[in-house]
N, C-alpha and C. Protein backbone atom coordinates (compact mmCIF):
# COMPACT_ATOMS: atom_id res chain seq x y z
N MET A 1 -11.53 -94.07 121.82
CA MET A 1 -11.66 -95.04 122.73
C MET A 1 -12.58 -96.30 122.02
N ASN A 2 -13.63 -95.38 121.34
CA ASN A 2 -14.89 -96.17 120.68
C ASN A 2 -14.58 -96.85 119.09
N ASP A 3 -13.58 -96.12 118.60
CA ASP A 3 -13.24 -95.73 116.93
C ASP A 3 -13.17 -97.49 116.83
N SER A 4 -13.54 -97.72 115.33
CA SER A 4 -13.51 -99.26 115.34
C SER A 4 -12.54 -99.54 114.55
N ASP A 5 -11.28 -99.02 114.67
CA ASP A 5 -9.66 -99.43 114.44
C ASP A 5 -9.17 -100.17 115.57
N GLU A 6 -8.63 -100.99 115.61
CA GLU A 6 -7.81 -101.55 117.08
C GLU A 6 -6.85 -100.53 117.01
N GLY A 7 -5.85 -100.40 116.19
CA GLY A 7 -5.11 -99.09 116.52
C GLY A 7 -5.22 -97.64 117.14
N VAL A 8 -6.17 -97.19 116.85
CA VAL A 8 -6.49 -96.01 116.75
C VAL A 8 -6.91 -96.47 118.37
N ARG A 9 -7.63 -97.40 119.05
CA ARG A 9 -7.96 -97.53 120.13
C ARG A 9 -6.97 -97.79 121.11
N PHE A 10 -5.64 -98.23 120.63
CA PHE A 10 -4.72 -98.89 121.64
C PHE A 10 -3.91 -97.29 121.50
N ALA A 11 -3.67 -96.82 120.93
CA ALA A 11 -3.28 -95.39 120.65
C ALA A 11 -3.92 -94.18 121.51
N ALA A 12 -5.40 -94.40 121.62
CA ALA A 12 -6.52 -93.60 122.24
C ALA A 12 -5.91 -94.08 123.96
N ALA A 13 -5.91 -95.83 123.71
CA ALA A 13 -5.53 -95.92 125.37
C ALA A 13 -4.28 -95.59 125.93
N ASP A 14 -3.14 -95.38 125.04
CA ASP A 14 -1.88 -95.10 125.81
C ASP A 14 -1.94 -93.84 125.74
N ALA A 15 -2.40 -92.77 124.76
CA ALA A 15 -2.33 -91.55 125.50
C ALA A 15 -2.78 -91.15 126.77
N LEU A 16 -4.34 -91.63 126.97
CA LEU A 16 -5.08 -91.56 127.72
C LEU A 16 -4.26 -91.76 129.36
N GLU A 17 -3.14 -92.95 129.24
CA GLU A 17 -2.30 -93.68 130.23
C GLU A 17 -1.57 -92.65 130.62
N ARG A 18 -0.58 -91.80 129.91
CA ARG A 18 0.13 -91.21 129.59
C ARG A 18 -0.32 -89.96 130.27
N LEU A 19 -1.32 -89.53 129.77
CA LEU A 19 -2.16 -87.98 130.65
C LEU A 19 -2.16 -88.62 132.20
N GLU A 20 -3.06 -89.87 132.42
CA GLU A 20 -3.24 -90.08 133.75
C GLU A 20 -1.85 -90.18 134.27
N SER A 21 -0.75 -90.76 133.91
CA SER A 21 0.46 -90.85 134.28
C SER A 21 1.03 -89.09 135.38
N ALA A 22 0.89 -88.51 134.25
CA ALA A 22 1.45 -86.77 134.23
C ALA A 22 0.58 -86.42 135.04
N LEU A 23 -0.86 -86.39 135.36
CA LEU A 23 -1.62 -86.13 136.39
C LEU A 23 -1.47 -86.25 137.58
N ALA A 24 -0.81 -88.00 137.89
CA ALA A 24 -0.89 -88.22 138.92
C ALA A 24 0.76 -87.74 139.18
N LEU A 25 1.66 -87.77 138.23
CA LEU A 25 2.76 -86.81 138.58
C LEU A 25 2.78 -85.71 139.52
N ASP A 26 1.81 -85.05 138.89
CA ASP A 26 2.23 -83.75 139.71
C ASP A 26 1.27 -83.69 140.81
N GLN A 27 0.71 -84.68 141.29
CA GLN A 27 0.03 -84.99 142.42
C GLN A 27 0.94 -85.38 143.51
N VAL A 28 1.53 -86.25 143.17
CA VAL A 28 2.89 -86.74 143.63
C VAL A 28 3.82 -85.58 143.80
N ILE A 29 4.12 -85.35 143.16
CA ILE A 29 5.17 -83.96 143.60
C ILE A 29 5.07 -82.85 144.42
N ALA A 30 3.92 -82.80 144.31
CA ALA A 30 2.77 -81.95 145.68
C ALA A 30 3.32 -82.46 147.19
N VAL A 31 2.85 -83.54 147.22
CA VAL A 31 2.88 -84.26 148.29
C VAL A 31 4.22 -84.42 148.57
N LEU A 32 5.45 -84.60 147.89
CA LEU A 32 6.38 -84.88 148.18
C LEU A 32 7.34 -82.94 148.79
N ALA A 33 6.86 -82.35 148.10
CA ALA A 33 6.74 -80.83 148.78
C ALA A 33 6.40 -80.40 150.11
N GLY A 34 5.61 -81.33 150.49
CA GLY A 34 4.90 -81.10 152.15
C GLY A 34 5.63 -81.66 152.98
N ASP A 35 4.91 -81.40 154.26
CA ASP A 35 5.73 -81.80 155.70
C ASP A 35 5.66 -82.85 156.22
N ASN A 36 4.62 -83.86 155.60
CA ASN A 36 4.54 -84.87 156.35
C ASN A 36 4.87 -86.20 155.87
N ARG A 37 5.99 -86.58 156.64
CA ARG A 37 7.14 -87.59 156.54
C ARG A 37 6.82 -88.95 155.66
N GLY A 38 5.43 -89.38 156.44
CA GLY A 38 4.80 -90.20 155.85
C GLY A 38 4.36 -90.22 154.65
N GLN A 39 3.52 -89.28 154.62
CA GLN A 39 3.15 -89.17 152.91
C GLN A 39 4.42 -88.92 152.19
N ARG A 40 5.30 -88.57 152.37
CA ARG A 40 6.34 -87.95 151.76
C ARG A 40 7.15 -89.26 151.00
N VAL A 41 7.45 -90.32 152.20
CA VAL A 41 7.60 -91.81 151.50
C VAL A 41 6.94 -92.36 150.92
N ARG A 42 5.97 -92.13 151.06
CA ARG A 42 4.96 -93.25 150.28
C ARG A 42 4.77 -92.60 148.83
N ALA A 43 5.04 -91.20 149.14
CA ALA A 43 4.69 -90.52 147.44
C ALA A 43 6.18 -90.87 146.64
N VAL A 44 7.21 -90.93 147.33
CA VAL A 44 8.42 -91.83 146.55
C VAL A 44 8.18 -93.14 146.24
N TYR A 45 7.69 -94.34 146.75
CA TYR A 45 6.78 -95.53 146.67
C TYR A 45 5.96 -95.11 145.35
N ALA A 46 4.95 -94.27 145.22
CA ALA A 46 4.18 -93.94 143.97
C ALA A 46 4.64 -93.75 142.99
N LEU A 47 5.87 -93.22 143.16
CA LEU A 47 6.43 -92.61 141.62
C LEU A 47 7.43 -93.79 140.93
N GLU A 48 7.08 -95.39 141.38
CA GLU A 48 7.51 -96.46 141.03
C GLU A 48 6.14 -96.95 139.71
N ARG A 49 5.27 -96.34 140.25
CA ARG A 49 3.83 -97.00 139.50
C ARG A 49 3.87 -96.17 138.37
N ILE A 50 4.06 -94.56 138.77
CA ILE A 50 4.23 -93.77 137.13
C ILE A 50 5.11 -94.44 135.92
N ASN A 51 4.67 -94.30 134.75
CA ASN A 51 5.59 -94.71 133.64
C ASN A 51 6.22 -93.71 132.96
N SER A 52 6.96 -92.92 133.68
CA SER A 52 7.47 -91.51 132.74
C SER A 52 8.57 -91.03 133.27
N SER A 53 9.58 -91.16 132.30
CA SER A 53 11.21 -90.39 132.41
C SER A 53 10.81 -89.02 133.31
N GLN A 54 9.91 -88.62 133.49
CA GLN A 54 9.52 -87.27 134.47
C GLN A 54 9.55 -87.92 136.07
N VAL A 55 9.97 -89.00 136.43
CA VAL A 55 9.65 -89.29 137.26
C VAL A 55 11.10 -89.21 137.81
N PHE A 56 12.52 -89.26 136.97
CA PHE A 56 13.76 -88.97 137.76
C PHE A 56 14.05 -87.90 138.63
N PRO A 57 13.74 -86.77 138.05
CA PRO A 57 13.92 -85.35 138.86
C PRO A 57 13.55 -85.20 140.15
N PRO A 58 12.11 -85.77 140.33
CA PRO A 58 11.97 -86.12 141.72
C PRO A 58 12.64 -86.84 143.14
N LEU A 59 12.80 -88.42 142.13
CA LEU A 59 13.43 -89.27 142.49
C LEU A 59 14.47 -88.54 143.19
N LEU A 60 15.35 -88.38 142.25
CA LEU A 60 16.70 -87.99 142.78
C LEU A 60 16.86 -86.73 143.70
N THR A 61 15.81 -85.71 143.44
CA THR A 61 15.48 -84.68 144.69
C THR A 61 15.49 -85.79 146.14
N ALA A 62 14.67 -86.33 145.86
CA ALA A 62 14.57 -87.87 148.02
C ALA A 62 15.79 -88.22 147.96
N LEU A 63 16.54 -88.75 146.87
CA LEU A 63 17.95 -89.19 147.21
C LEU A 63 18.66 -88.17 147.86
N ALA A 64 18.79 -86.95 147.55
CA ALA A 64 19.36 -85.96 148.39
C ALA A 64 18.87 -85.48 149.50
N ASP A 65 17.59 -86.05 149.94
CA ASP A 65 17.07 -85.40 151.24
C ASP A 65 17.28 -85.62 152.68
N LYS A 66 17.55 -84.93 153.33
CA LYS A 66 18.07 -84.97 154.87
C LYS A 66 17.38 -86.01 155.55
N ASP A 67 16.04 -86.64 154.97
CA ASP A 67 15.31 -87.48 155.72
C ASP A 67 15.93 -88.84 155.01
N GLU A 68 16.60 -89.78 156.21
CA GLU A 68 16.94 -91.23 155.83
C GLU A 68 16.02 -92.22 155.06
N ASP A 69 14.71 -91.81 155.57
CA ASP A 69 13.75 -93.09 155.17
C ASP A 69 13.09 -92.56 153.55
N LEU A 70 13.23 -91.34 153.43
CA LEU A 70 13.04 -90.72 152.12
C LEU A 70 14.47 -91.11 151.16
N ARG A 71 15.42 -91.37 151.36
CA ARG A 71 16.44 -91.59 150.70
C ARG A 71 16.42 -93.03 150.64
N ALA A 72 15.82 -93.62 151.32
CA ALA A 72 15.93 -95.08 151.87
C ALA A 72 15.00 -95.41 150.24
N ALA A 73 14.05 -95.03 150.54
CA ALA A 73 12.98 -95.21 149.51
C ALA A 73 13.10 -94.72 148.23
N ALA A 74 13.92 -93.67 147.96
CA ALA A 74 14.60 -93.38 146.37
C ALA A 74 15.08 -94.53 145.71
N VAL A 75 16.09 -95.04 146.97
CA VAL A 75 17.24 -95.80 146.40
C VAL A 75 16.48 -97.34 145.92
N GLN A 76 15.47 -97.36 146.53
CA GLN A 76 14.45 -98.77 147.04
C GLN A 76 13.82 -98.30 145.03
N VAL A 77 13.43 -97.31 145.05
CA VAL A 77 12.45 -96.97 143.81
C VAL A 77 13.75 -97.01 142.70
N LEU A 78 14.38 -96.09 142.38
CA LEU A 78 15.79 -96.33 141.64
C LEU A 78 16.18 -97.35 141.61
N GLY A 79 16.55 -98.25 142.15
CA GLY A 79 16.84 -99.64 142.03
C GLY A 79 16.05 -100.56 141.15
N ARG A 80 14.62 -100.49 141.40
CA ARG A 80 13.71 -101.12 140.59
C ARG A 80 13.30 -100.47 139.37
N LYS A 81 13.59 -99.39 139.23
CA LYS A 81 13.55 -98.52 137.83
C LYS A 81 14.53 -99.00 136.80
N GLN A 82 15.63 -99.04 137.28
CA GLN A 82 16.94 -99.48 136.70
C GLN A 82 17.51 -98.68 135.73
N ASN A 83 17.33 -96.96 135.56
CA ASN A 83 17.87 -96.30 134.80
C ASN A 83 19.38 -95.93 134.92
N PRO A 84 19.91 -96.16 134.05
CA PRO A 84 21.70 -96.17 134.15
C PRO A 84 22.14 -94.85 133.87
N LYS A 85 21.34 -93.78 133.73
CA LYS A 85 21.75 -92.37 133.81
C LYS A 85 21.94 -91.80 135.76
N THR A 86 21.24 -92.70 136.63
CA THR A 86 21.14 -92.50 137.48
C THR A 86 21.81 -93.14 138.39
N LEU A 87 22.84 -94.20 137.91
CA LEU A 87 24.07 -94.94 138.39
C LEU A 87 25.36 -94.41 139.42
N PRO A 88 25.55 -92.62 138.87
CA PRO A 88 26.67 -92.28 139.72
C PRO A 88 26.31 -91.77 140.69
N GLN A 89 24.45 -91.35 141.12
CA GLN A 89 24.13 -90.85 142.52
C GLN A 89 23.72 -91.92 143.33
N LEU A 90 23.48 -93.26 143.02
CA LEU A 90 23.45 -94.57 143.73
C LEU A 90 24.54 -94.59 143.93
N VAL A 91 25.52 -94.79 143.37
CA VAL A 91 27.13 -95.09 143.80
C VAL A 91 27.12 -94.61 145.22
N ARG A 92 27.39 -92.98 145.01
CA ARG A 92 27.67 -92.45 146.09
C ARG A 92 26.97 -92.16 147.18
N HIS A 93 25.48 -93.32 147.15
CA HIS A 93 24.73 -93.64 148.56
C HIS A 93 25.24 -94.77 149.01
N LEU A 94 26.34 -95.37 148.66
CA LEU A 94 26.97 -96.37 149.52
C LEU A 94 27.96 -96.06 150.55
N ARG A 95 27.74 -94.42 150.16
CA ARG A 95 28.22 -94.08 151.90
C ARG A 95 27.76 -93.03 152.31
N ASP A 96 26.57 -93.02 152.31
CA ASP A 96 25.24 -92.35 153.18
C ASP A 96 25.43 -92.47 154.54
N PRO A 97 25.35 -91.61 155.62
CA PRO A 97 25.75 -91.95 156.61
C PRO A 97 24.85 -92.97 157.68
N HIS A 98 23.78 -93.13 156.33
CA HIS A 98 22.69 -94.20 157.28
C HIS A 98 22.64 -95.34 157.23
N PRO A 99 22.76 -96.44 157.89
CA PRO A 99 23.10 -97.96 157.73
C PRO A 99 21.93 -98.67 156.89
N ALA A 100 20.70 -97.77 156.88
CA ALA A 100 19.66 -98.58 156.12
C ALA A 100 19.74 -98.22 154.49
N VAL A 101 20.07 -97.13 154.33
CA VAL A 101 20.30 -96.17 153.34
C VAL A 101 21.56 -96.92 152.43
N ARG A 102 22.68 -97.49 153.13
CA ARG A 102 23.72 -98.16 152.31
C ARG A 102 23.12 -99.76 151.90
N VAL A 103 22.52 -100.53 152.95
CA VAL A 103 22.10 -101.54 152.56
C VAL A 103 20.92 -101.54 151.21
N HIS A 104 20.21 -100.38 151.44
CA HIS A 104 19.59 -100.64 150.23
C HIS A 104 19.85 -99.97 149.21
N THR A 105 21.14 -99.28 149.32
CA THR A 105 21.90 -98.93 148.00
C THR A 105 22.34 -99.85 147.53
N ALA A 106 23.12 -101.09 148.33
CA ALA A 106 23.80 -102.11 147.61
C ALA A 106 22.58 -102.90 146.89
N GLU A 107 21.88 -102.91 147.27
CA GLU A 107 21.11 -104.29 146.71
C GLU A 107 20.54 -103.67 144.96
N ALA A 108 20.04 -102.13 145.57
CA ALA A 108 19.55 -101.56 144.18
C ALA A 108 20.56 -101.52 143.52
N LEU A 109 22.10 -101.71 143.65
CA LEU A 109 22.57 -101.88 142.33
C LEU A 109 23.16 -102.91 141.89
N GLY A 110 22.31 -104.57 142.66
CA GLY A 110 22.51 -105.42 142.19
C GLY A 110 21.75 -105.59 140.90
N LYS A 111 20.86 -104.96 141.11
CA LYS A 111 19.43 -105.30 140.48
C LYS A 111 20.23 -104.50 139.19
N PHE A 112 20.98 -103.27 138.87
CA PHE A 112 21.33 -103.48 137.70
C PHE A 112 21.98 -104.25 136.67
N GLY A 113 22.92 -104.85 137.37
CA GLY A 113 23.36 -106.14 136.47
C GLY A 113 24.73 -105.42 135.99
N ASP A 114 25.26 -104.37 136.27
CA ASP A 114 26.45 -103.69 135.39
C ASP A 114 27.54 -104.18 136.30
N ARG A 115 28.43 -105.12 135.60
CA ARG A 115 30.14 -105.61 136.37
C ARG A 115 30.51 -104.44 136.69
N ARG A 116 30.70 -103.73 135.98
CA ARG A 116 31.37 -102.07 136.38
C ARG A 116 31.17 -101.97 137.55
N LEU A 117 30.39 -102.20 138.30
CA LEU A 117 29.78 -102.35 139.94
C LEU A 117 30.04 -102.87 140.88
N VAL A 118 30.89 -103.69 140.36
CA VAL A 118 31.12 -104.85 141.51
C VAL A 118 32.56 -104.34 142.26
N PRO A 119 33.98 -103.65 141.75
CA PRO A 119 34.61 -103.14 142.67
C PRO A 119 33.70 -102.04 143.80
N TYR A 120 32.64 -101.50 143.61
CA TYR A 120 32.31 -100.62 144.40
C TYR A 120 31.64 -101.19 145.20
N LEU A 121 30.85 -102.35 145.18
CA LEU A 121 30.13 -103.36 145.99
C LEU A 121 30.86 -104.11 146.67
N ALA A 122 32.49 -104.40 145.84
CA ALA A 122 33.58 -105.38 146.62
C ALA A 122 33.98 -104.56 148.04
N LYS A 123 34.20 -103.43 147.80
CA LYS A 123 34.77 -102.01 149.01
C LYS A 123 33.63 -102.42 150.44
N LEU A 124 32.38 -103.06 150.22
CA LEU A 124 31.96 -102.85 151.12
C LEU A 124 31.79 -103.90 152.50
N LEU A 125 33.04 -104.93 150.95
CA LEU A 125 32.78 -106.35 152.14
C LEU A 125 33.81 -106.12 153.40
N THR A 126 34.27 -105.15 153.88
CA THR A 126 35.35 -105.28 154.49
C THR A 126 34.51 -104.69 156.09
N ALA A 127 33.17 -103.89 155.72
CA ALA A 127 32.80 -103.59 156.73
C ALA A 127 32.24 -104.01 158.04
N GLN A 128 32.13 -103.65 159.06
CA GLN A 128 31.67 -103.87 160.18
C GLN A 128 30.00 -104.71 160.00
N ASP A 129 29.30 -103.94 159.65
CA ASP A 129 27.87 -103.85 159.63
C ASP A 129 27.82 -105.30 158.74
N GLU A 130 26.89 -106.18 159.23
CA GLU A 130 26.56 -107.59 158.67
C GLU A 130 25.72 -107.35 157.55
N GLU A 131 24.77 -106.73 158.11
CA GLU A 131 23.85 -106.06 156.80
C GLU A 131 24.21 -105.99 155.42
N LEU A 132 24.93 -105.24 155.62
CA LEU A 132 25.62 -103.96 154.35
C LEU A 132 26.67 -104.94 153.74
N VAL A 133 27.44 -106.18 154.46
CA VAL A 133 28.13 -107.10 154.10
C VAL A 133 27.28 -108.32 153.07
N LYS A 134 26.15 -108.44 153.81
CA LYS A 134 25.71 -109.47 153.15
C LYS A 134 24.64 -108.47 152.24
N SER A 135 24.07 -107.57 152.38
CA SER A 135 23.38 -107.21 150.85
C SER A 135 24.43 -106.64 149.52
N ALA A 136 26.06 -106.24 150.16
CA ALA A 136 27.22 -106.55 148.78
C ALA A 136 27.39 -107.69 148.46
N LEU A 137 27.15 -108.67 149.41
CA LEU A 137 27.54 -110.22 148.63
C LEU A 137 26.30 -110.53 147.92
N ARG A 138 25.05 -110.30 148.23
CA ARG A 138 23.93 -110.28 147.18
C ARG A 138 24.12 -109.89 145.98
N ALA A 139 24.49 -108.58 145.98
CA ALA A 139 24.56 -107.58 144.79
C ALA A 139 25.28 -108.38 143.81
N ILE A 140 26.76 -108.79 144.26
CA ILE A 140 27.25 -108.99 143.32
C ILE A 140 27.36 -110.53 142.59
N GLY A 141 26.39 -111.08 143.61
CA GLY A 141 26.06 -112.26 143.09
C GLY A 141 24.74 -112.05 142.06
N MET A 142 24.50 -111.01 142.16
CA MET A 142 22.47 -110.65 141.25
C MET A 142 23.75 -110.04 139.64
N ILE A 143 24.73 -109.56 140.07
CA ILE A 143 25.15 -108.71 138.98
C ILE A 143 25.90 -110.43 137.97
N GLY A 144 26.16 -111.12 139.11
CA GLY A 144 26.55 -112.69 137.96
C GLY A 144 27.95 -112.60 137.29
N ALA A 145 28.69 -111.59 137.59
CA ALA A 145 30.06 -110.91 136.32
C ALA A 145 31.29 -111.86 137.17
N PRO A 146 32.06 -112.47 136.47
CA PRO A 146 32.92 -113.48 136.98
C PRO A 146 33.83 -112.42 137.65
N GLU A 147 33.28 -111.07 137.07
CA GLU A 147 34.80 -110.42 137.92
C GLU A 147 34.77 -110.57 139.76
N GLY A 148 33.62 -110.82 140.38
CA GLY A 148 33.26 -110.95 141.70
C GLY A 148 33.40 -112.39 142.16
N GLU A 149 34.25 -113.05 141.28
CA GLU A 149 34.58 -114.45 141.72
C GLU A 149 35.71 -114.50 142.89
N ALA A 150 36.96 -113.86 143.08
CA ALA A 150 38.14 -113.55 143.66
C ALA A 150 37.45 -112.91 145.31
N VAL A 151 36.50 -112.17 145.07
CA VAL A 151 36.00 -111.88 146.19
C VAL A 151 35.23 -112.48 147.16
N LEU A 152 34.57 -113.12 146.30
CA LEU A 152 33.33 -114.14 146.95
C LEU A 152 34.15 -115.20 147.60
N PHE A 153 35.38 -115.66 146.91
CA PHE A 153 35.80 -116.90 147.80
C PHE A 153 36.22 -116.62 148.56
N ALA A 154 37.12 -114.88 148.59
CA ALA A 154 37.72 -114.39 149.69
C ALA A 154 36.80 -114.81 151.05
N MET A 155 35.53 -114.09 150.75
CA MET A 155 34.77 -114.08 151.72
C MET A 155 34.13 -115.18 152.44
N LEU A 156 34.55 -116.40 151.59
CA LEU A 156 33.97 -117.85 152.37
C LEU A 156 35.07 -118.17 153.64
N GLU A 157 36.38 -117.44 153.70
CA GLU A 157 36.95 -117.53 155.12
C GLU A 157 36.77 -116.30 156.11
N ASP A 158 35.32 -115.82 156.05
CA ASP A 158 34.81 -114.72 156.75
C ASP A 158 34.54 -115.63 158.03
N SER A 159 34.98 -115.15 159.55
CA SER A 159 34.17 -115.56 160.22
C SER A 159 33.31 -116.02 160.71
N ARG A 160 32.17 -115.06 160.18
CA ARG A 160 30.81 -114.80 160.24
C ARG A 160 29.87 -115.86 159.60
N PRO A 161 29.30 -116.50 159.99
CA PRO A 161 28.66 -117.90 158.87
C PRO A 161 28.21 -117.37 158.51
N ALA A 162 26.61 -116.09 158.53
CA ALA A 162 25.94 -115.48 157.89
C ALA A 162 26.68 -115.10 156.28
N ILE A 163 28.07 -114.45 156.81
CA ILE A 163 28.61 -113.94 155.24
C ILE A 163 29.08 -114.79 154.71
N ARG A 164 29.27 -116.47 155.27
CA ARG A 164 29.91 -117.55 154.37
C ARG A 164 28.93 -117.79 153.27
N ARG A 165 27.82 -117.84 154.09
CA ARG A 165 26.71 -118.47 153.40
C ARG A 165 26.31 -117.70 152.32
N GLU A 166 26.11 -116.31 152.68
CA GLU A 166 26.01 -115.49 151.65
C GLU A 166 26.63 -114.99 150.50
N ALA A 167 27.96 -115.79 150.48
CA ALA A 167 29.18 -115.82 149.52
C ALA A 167 29.50 -116.91 148.82
N ALA A 168 28.98 -117.97 149.44
CA ALA A 168 28.44 -119.50 148.66
C ALA A 168 26.94 -119.15 147.89
N ARG A 169 26.02 -118.47 148.18
CA ARG A 169 25.10 -118.20 147.35
C ARG A 169 25.24 -117.47 146.26
N ALA A 170 25.82 -116.49 146.69
CA ALA A 170 26.17 -115.83 145.37
C ALA A 170 27.31 -115.62 144.65
N LEU A 171 28.15 -116.86 144.96
CA LEU A 171 29.03 -117.54 144.14
C LEU A 171 28.58 -118.74 142.99
N GLY A 172 27.10 -118.85 143.59
CA GLY A 172 26.21 -119.92 142.45
C GLY A 172 25.52 -118.78 141.64
N GLN A 173 25.64 -117.94 141.92
CA GLN A 173 24.88 -117.12 140.82
C GLN A 173 26.01 -116.52 139.42
N LEU A 174 26.88 -116.66 139.89
CA LEU A 174 28.17 -116.16 138.80
C LEU A 174 28.16 -117.08 137.32
N GLU A 175 27.96 -115.94 136.56
CA GLU A 175 28.57 -116.79 135.08
C GLU A 175 29.91 -116.73 134.86
N ILE A 176 30.64 -118.13 135.60
CA ILE A 176 32.05 -118.64 135.25
C ILE A 176 32.35 -119.59 134.35
């Protein structure tokens, strides 16, 4: 860290950051294996701050946990990390038994910006859960693909004002 060469100092700082991330990862994984629900949820959020591909296995484990809060946290973190390799696992959680997990999953998928996700999100638009429908509409808008145009126009006819409003906003985001 005290080398006269800036490149060496930069490399040393980078190596130190990676070492700290690896140490932090071990600590977070230990907390995830514990029994304290609140600490486990916070540990999932802590994985977001660790810049390493090694965070994905524990995140995917959390995604499969029986605790819906842990799954919801994992979905949110995976959405922000946007690793395409996690898409199949995330898409499966559009059918999660817990409504909050489904809502967070739709929002997470929108962050990927992948037009192939539009059909999966469009299937949610017939749900009775208004929050889920609004999340799916927002996600389709975030993706911005023209493939979402027809379903968004159809949602302008929905009986619920909040749904029509969200559909109109989403239409404004499309790249048509």
